[in-house]
Amino acid sequence: MSTPPPTTTNPTTATTTTHPSAAAATNTTNNNNPTTPTHKKLPVPPFSYQDAVQKVRMAEDAWNTRDPNKVKMAYTEDTKWRNRSTFLEGREQVASFLKQKWDREHNYRLIKELWAYSERRIAVRFAYEYQNEQQQQQDDVENKDKP
């Protein structure tokens, strides 16, 4: 894997491991003007450095909407996740999990950065914070490898 410029963050890996894979949107055209795209094509393998950075930023933006139905669309239909002792398979389980998560985690904010990449995989480092139901501030830092 190629590595982007170093950062000063010192992450831990003690909590979450997921194995999502982004779904590619199709590049369709307007029926009245075949040269005008109506949907932007997402970065798909093989990834360049710029593609990997864009994909990480798009994922961060989706997560920060706190909309489970929007976030689930960033993953393949058969995505497989492990979050501590919870195992999820498929977009609908992901959306249900995220709804429950964000019902408990108020003012959720995620920051993702590219950690490493290859033509077929992207690894991210991320930190998030939220307030629990007692309005106490919580935070975590993790690494995640994505095919």
C-alpha atoms as a PDB file:
ATOM      1  CA  MET A   1       0.000   0.000   0.000  1.00  0.00           C
ATOM      2  CA  SER A   2       1.149   3.510  -0.732  1.00  0.00           C
ATOM      3  CA  THR A   3       1.118   5.894   2.171  1.00  0.00           C
ATOM      4  CA  PRO A   4      -0.013   9.529   2.052  1.00  0.00           C
ATOM      5  CA  PRO A   5       1.977  12.233   3.835  1.00  0.00           C
ATOM      6  CA  PRO A   6       2.419  11.393   7.555  1.00  0.00           C
ATOM      7  CA  THR A   7       0.121  12.830  10.184  1.00  0.00           C
ATOM      8  CA  THR A   8       0.592  13.493  13.872  1.00  0.00           C
ATOM      9  CA  THR A   9      -2.408  11.476  15.022  1.00  0.00           C
ATOM     10  CA  ASN A  10      -1.552   8.459  17.160  1.00  0.00           C
ATOM     11  CA  PRO A  11      -4.533   6.077  16.675  1.00  0.00           C
ATOM     12  CA  THR A  12      -5.557   3.008  18.646  1.00  0.00           C
ATOM     13  CA  THR A  13      -7.271  -0.036  17.211  1.00  0.00           C
ATOM     14  CA  ALA A  14      -9.069  -1.392  20.256  1.00  0.00           C
ATOM     15  CA  THR A  15     -12.710  -0.991  19.322  1.00  0.00           C
ATOM     16  CA  THR A  16     -14.199  -1.290  15.858  1.00  0.00           C
ATOM     17  CA  THR A  17     -13.279  -3.305  12.820  1.00  0.00           C
ATOM     18  CA  THR A  18     -15.461  -3.080   9.765  1.00  0.00           C
ATOM     19  CA  HIS A  19     -15.033  -4.404   6.303  1.00  0.00           C
ATOM     20  CA  PRO A  20     -17.216  -2.228   4.059  1.00  0.00           C
ATOM     21  CA  SER A  21     -16.728  -1.811   0.363  1.00  0.00           C
ATOM     22  CA  ALA A  22     -18.071   1.204  -1.445  1.00  0.00           C
ATOM     23  CA  ALA A  23     -20.692   0.716  -4.098  1.00  0.00           C
ATOM     24  CA  ALA A  24     -20.082   2.328  -7.440  1.00  0.00           C
ATOM     25  CA  ALA A  25     -22.729   4.590  -8.884  1.00  0.00           C
ATOM     26  CA  THR A  26     -23.396   4.234 -12.556  1.00  0.00           C
ATOM     27  CA  ASN A  27     -22.658   7.126 -14.839  1.00  0.00           C
ATOM     28  CA  THR A  28     -25.984   7.813 -16.555  1.00  0.00           C
ATOM     29  CA  THR A  29     -26.789  10.488 -19.038  1.00  0.00           C
ATOM     30  CA  ASN A  30     -29.726  12.820 -19.601  1.00  0.00           C
ATOM     31  CA  ASN A  31     -32.026  11.352 -22.281  1.00  0.00           C
ATOM     32  CA  ASN A  32     -32.407  14.758 -23.943  1.00  0.00           C
ATOM     33  CA  ASN A  33     -28.662  15.376 -24.070  1.00  0.00           C
ATOM     34  CA  PRO A  34     -26.516  12.233 -23.990  1.00  0.00           C
ATOM     35  CA  THR A  35     -23.383  14.233 -23.232  1.00  0.00           C
ATOM     36  CA  THR A  36     -24.765  15.716 -19.980  1.00  0.00           C
ATOM     37  CA  PRO A  37     -24.215  13.384 -17.006  1.00  0.00           C
ATOM     38  CA  THR A  38     -27.006  13.302 -14.422  1.00  0.00           C
ATOM     39  CA  HIS A  39     -25.040  11.361 -11.786  1.00  0.00           C
ATOM     40  CA  LYS A  40     -21.427  11.798 -10.825  1.00  0.00           C
ATOM     41  CA  LYS A  41     -19.438   8.569 -10.979  1.00  0.00           C
ATOM     42  CA  LEU A  42     -17.876   7.671  -7.636  1.00  0.00           C
ATOM     43  CA  PRO A  43     -14.207   6.725  -7.422  1.00  0.00           C
ATOM     44  CA  VAL A  44     -13.866   3.017  -8.135  1.00  0.00           C
ATOM     45  CA  PRO A  45     -10.800   0.770  -8.314  1.00  0.00           C
ATOM     46  CA  PRO A  46      -8.091   1.126  -9.374  1.00  0.00           C
ATOM     47  CA  PHE A  47      -7.624   4.034  -6.957  1.00  0.00           C
ATOM     48  CA  SER A  48      -5.176   6.874  -7.456  1.00  0.00           C
ATOM     49  CA  TYR A  49      -4.122   8.987  -4.468  1.00  0.00           C
ATOM     50  CA  GLN A  50      -6.653  11.653  -5.508  1.00  0.00           C
ATOM     51  CA  ASP A  51      -9.424   9.023  -5.878  1.00  0.00           C
ATOM     52  CA  ALA A  52      -8.689   7.630  -2.425  1.00  0.00           C
ATOM     53  CA  VAL A  53      -8.745  11.083  -0.814  1.00  0.00           C
ATOM     54  CA  GLN A  54     -12.020  11.913  -2.581  1.00  0.00           C
ATOM     55  CA  LYS A  55     -13.627   8.626  -1.519  1.00  0.00           C
ATOM     56  CA  VAL A  56     -12.623   9.162   2.123  1.00  0.00           C
ATOM     57  CA  ARG A  57     -14.002  12.726   2.064  1.00  0.00           C
ATOM     58  CA  MET A  58     -17.275  11.575   0.498  1.00  0.00           C
ATOM     59  CA  ALA A  59     -17.651   8.901   3.184  1.00  0.00           C
ATOM     60  CA  GLU A  60     -16.948  11.439   5.935  1.00  0.00           C
ATOM     61  CA  ASP A  61     -19.548  13.804   4.503  1.00  0.00           C
ATOM     62  CA  ALA A  62     -22.158  11.021   4.297  1.00  0.00           C
ATOM     63  CA  TRP A  63     -21.544   9.870   7.878  1.00  0.00           C
ATOM     64  CA  ASN A  64     -21.829  13.417   9.193  1.00  0.00           C
ATOM     65  CA  THR A  65     -25.360  13.705   7.796  1.00  0.00           C
ATOM     66  CA  ARG A  66     -26.324  11.096  10.418  1.00  0.00           C
ATOM     67  CA  ASP A  67     -28.779   9.727   7.849  1.00  0.00           C
ATOM     68  CA  PRO A  68     -28.560   5.896   7.964  1.00  0.00           C
ATOM     69  CA  ASN A  69     -30.241   5.557   4.571  1.00  0.00           C
ATOM     70  CA  LYS A  70     -27.687   7.845   2.942  1.00  0.00           C
ATOM     71  CA  VAL A  71     -24.715   6.180   4.650  1.00  0.00           C
ATOM     72  CA  LYS A  72     -25.804   2.634   3.756  1.00  0.00           C
ATOM     73  CA  MET A  73     -25.661   3.524   0.056  1.00  0.00           C
ATOM     74  CA  ALA A  74     -21.888   4.058   0.317  1.00  0.00           C
ATOM     75  CA  TYR A  75     -21.495   0.304   0.860  1.00  0.00           C
ATOM     76  CA  THR A  76     -22.208  -2.724  -1.315  1.00  0.00           C
ATOM     77  CA  GLU A  77     -25.506  -4.564  -0.910  1.00  0.00           C
ATOM     78  CA  ASP A  78     -23.673  -7.518   0.651  1.00  0.00           C
ATOM     79  CA  THR A  79     -21.364  -5.484   2.919  1.00  0.00           C
ATOM     80  CA  LYS A  80     -20.122  -7.244   6.051  1.00  0.00           C
ATOM     81  CA  TRP A  81     -19.349  -5.304   9.228  1.00  0.00           C
ATOM     82  CA  ARG A  82     -18.085  -6.191  12.666  1.00  0.00           C
ATOM     83  CA  ASN A  83     -18.489  -3.607  15.399  1.00  0.00           C
ATOM     84  CA  ARG A  84     -17.135  -4.988  18.659  1.00  0.00           C
ATOM     85  CA  SER A  85     -19.401  -8.036  19.253  1.00  0.00           C
ATOM     86  CA  THR A  86     -22.035  -7.067  16.673  1.00  0.00           C
ATOM     87  CA  PHE A  87     -21.907  -8.648  13.224  1.00  0.00           C
ATOM     88  CA  LEU A  88     -23.875  -7.082  10.382  1.00  0.00           C
ATOM     89  CA  GLU A  89     -24.508  -8.161   6.824  1.00  0.00           C
ATOM     90  CA  GLY A  90     -26.147  -6.073   4.126  1.00  0.00           C
ATOM     91  CA  ARG A  91     -27.246  -2.482   3.803  1.00  0.00           C
ATOM     92  CA  GLU A  92     -30.503  -2.868   5.754  1.00  0.00           C
ATOM     93  CA  GLN A  93     -28.699  -4.196   8.847  1.00  0.00           C
ATOM     94  CA  VAL A  94     -26.184  -1.346   8.528  1.00  0.00           C
ATOM     95  CA  ALA A  95     -28.986   1.254   8.368  1.00  0.00           C
ATOM     96  CA  SER A  96     -30.756  -0.280  11.382  1.00  0.00           C
ATOM     97  CA  PHE A  97     -27.501  -0.383  13.356  1.00  0.00           C
ATOM     98  CA  LEU A  98     -26.682   3.246  12.518  1.00  0.00           C
ATOM     99  CA  LYS A  99     -30.174   4.444  13.459  1.00  0.00           C
ATOM    100  CA  GLN A 100     -29.825   2.807  16.885  1.00  0.00           C
ATOM    101  CA  LYS A 101     -26.282   4.141  17.250  1.00  0.00           C
ATOM    102  CA  TRP A 102     -27.271   7.719  16.474  1.00  0.00           C
ATOM    103  CA  ASP A 103     -30.360   7.523  18.689  1.00  0.00           C
ATOM    104  CA  ARG A 104     -27.889   7.014  21.585  1.00  0.00           C
ATOM    105  CA  GLU A 105     -25.004   9.147  20.315  1.00  0.00           C
ATOM    106  CA  HIS A 106     -26.114  12.783  20.095  1.00  0.00           C
ATOM    107  CA  ASN A 107     -24.199  15.460  18.138  1.00  0.00           C
ATOM    108  CA  TYR A 108     -22.139  12.739  16.441  1.00  0.00           C
ATOM    109  CA  ARG A 109     -19.180  14.102  14.439  1.00  0.00           C
ATOM    110  CA  LEU A 110     -16.759  11.972  12.410  1.00  0.00           C
ATOM    111  CA  ILE A 111     -13.369  12.942  11.003  1.00  0.00           C
ATOM    112  CA  LYS A 112     -11.770  10.549   8.492  1.00  0.00           C
ATOM    113  CA  GLU A 113      -8.380  10.737   6.854  1.00  0.00           C
ATOM    114  CA  LEU A 114      -6.629   8.567   4.352  1.00  0.00           C
ATOM    115  CA  TRP A 115      -4.079   6.358   6.082  1.00  0.00           C
ATOM    116  CA  ALA A 116      -2.911   4.169   3.191  1.00  0.00           C
ATOM    117  CA  TYR A 117      -4.184   2.912  -0.134  1.00  0.00           C
ATOM    118  CA  SER A 118      -3.495   0.564  -3.020  1.00  0.00           C
ATOM    119  CA  GLU A 119      -5.228   0.199  -6.358  1.00  0.00           C
ATOM    120  CA  ARG A 120      -7.957  -1.949  -4.738  1.00  0.00           C
ATOM    121  CA  ARG A 121      -8.036  -1.020  -1.032  1.00  0.00           C
ATOM    122  CA  ILE A 122      -8.295   2.080   1.112  1.00  0.00           C
ATOM    123  CA  ALA A 123      -7.333   2.226   4.788  1.00  0.00           C
ATOM    124  CA  VAL A 124      -8.629   5.111   6.863  1.00  0.00           C
ATOM    125  CA  ARG A 125      -7.872   6.558  10.250  1.00  0.00           C
ATOM    126  CA  PHE A 126     -10.838   8.114  11.940  1.00  0.00           C
ATOM    127  CA  ALA A 127     -11.886   9.851  15.086  1.00  0.00           C
ATOM    128  CA  TYR A 128     -15.386  10.582  16.237  1.00  0.00           C
ATOM    129  CA  GLU A 129     -17.075  12.299  19.101  1.00  0.00           C
ATOM    130  CA  TYR A 130     -20.593  12.477  20.442  1.00  0.00           C
ATOM    131  CA  GLN A 131     -22.576  13.128  23.585  1.00  0.00           C
ATOM    132  CA  ASN A 132     -24.154  10.163  25.327  1.00  0.00           C
ATOM    133  CA  GLU A 133     -27.686  10.147  26.704  1.00  0.00           C
ATOM    134  CA  GLN A 134     -26.420  11.870  29.877  1.00  0.00           C
ATOM    135  CA  GLN A 135     -24.889  14.617  27.667  1.00  0.00           C
ATOM    136  CA  GLN A 136     -21.345  13.483  28.550  1.00  0.00           C
ATOM    137  CA  GLN A 137     -18.760  14.003  25.811  1.00  0.00           C
ATOM    138  CA  GLN A 138     -17.287  10.768  24.355  1.00  0.00           C
ATOM    139  CA  ASP A 139     -14.596  10.245  21.722  1.00  0.00           C
ATOM    140  CA  ASP A 140     -12.648   7.478  20.017  1.00  0.00           C
ATOM    141  CA  VAL A 141      -9.891   7.025  17.421  1.00  0.00           C
ATOM    142  CA  GLU A 142      -9.632   3.951  15.176  1.00  0.00           C
ATOM    143  CA  ASN A 143      -8.050   2.503  12.031  1.00  0.00           C
ATOM    144  CA  LYS A 144     -10.045   0.682   9.395  1.00  0.00           C
ATOM    145  CA  ASP A 145      -8.963  -1.175   6.256  1.00  0.00           C
ATOM    146  CA  LYS A 146     -11.495  -1.185   3.406  1.00  0.00           C
ATOM    147  CA  PRO A 147     -11.315  -3.314   0.263  1.00  0.00           C
END
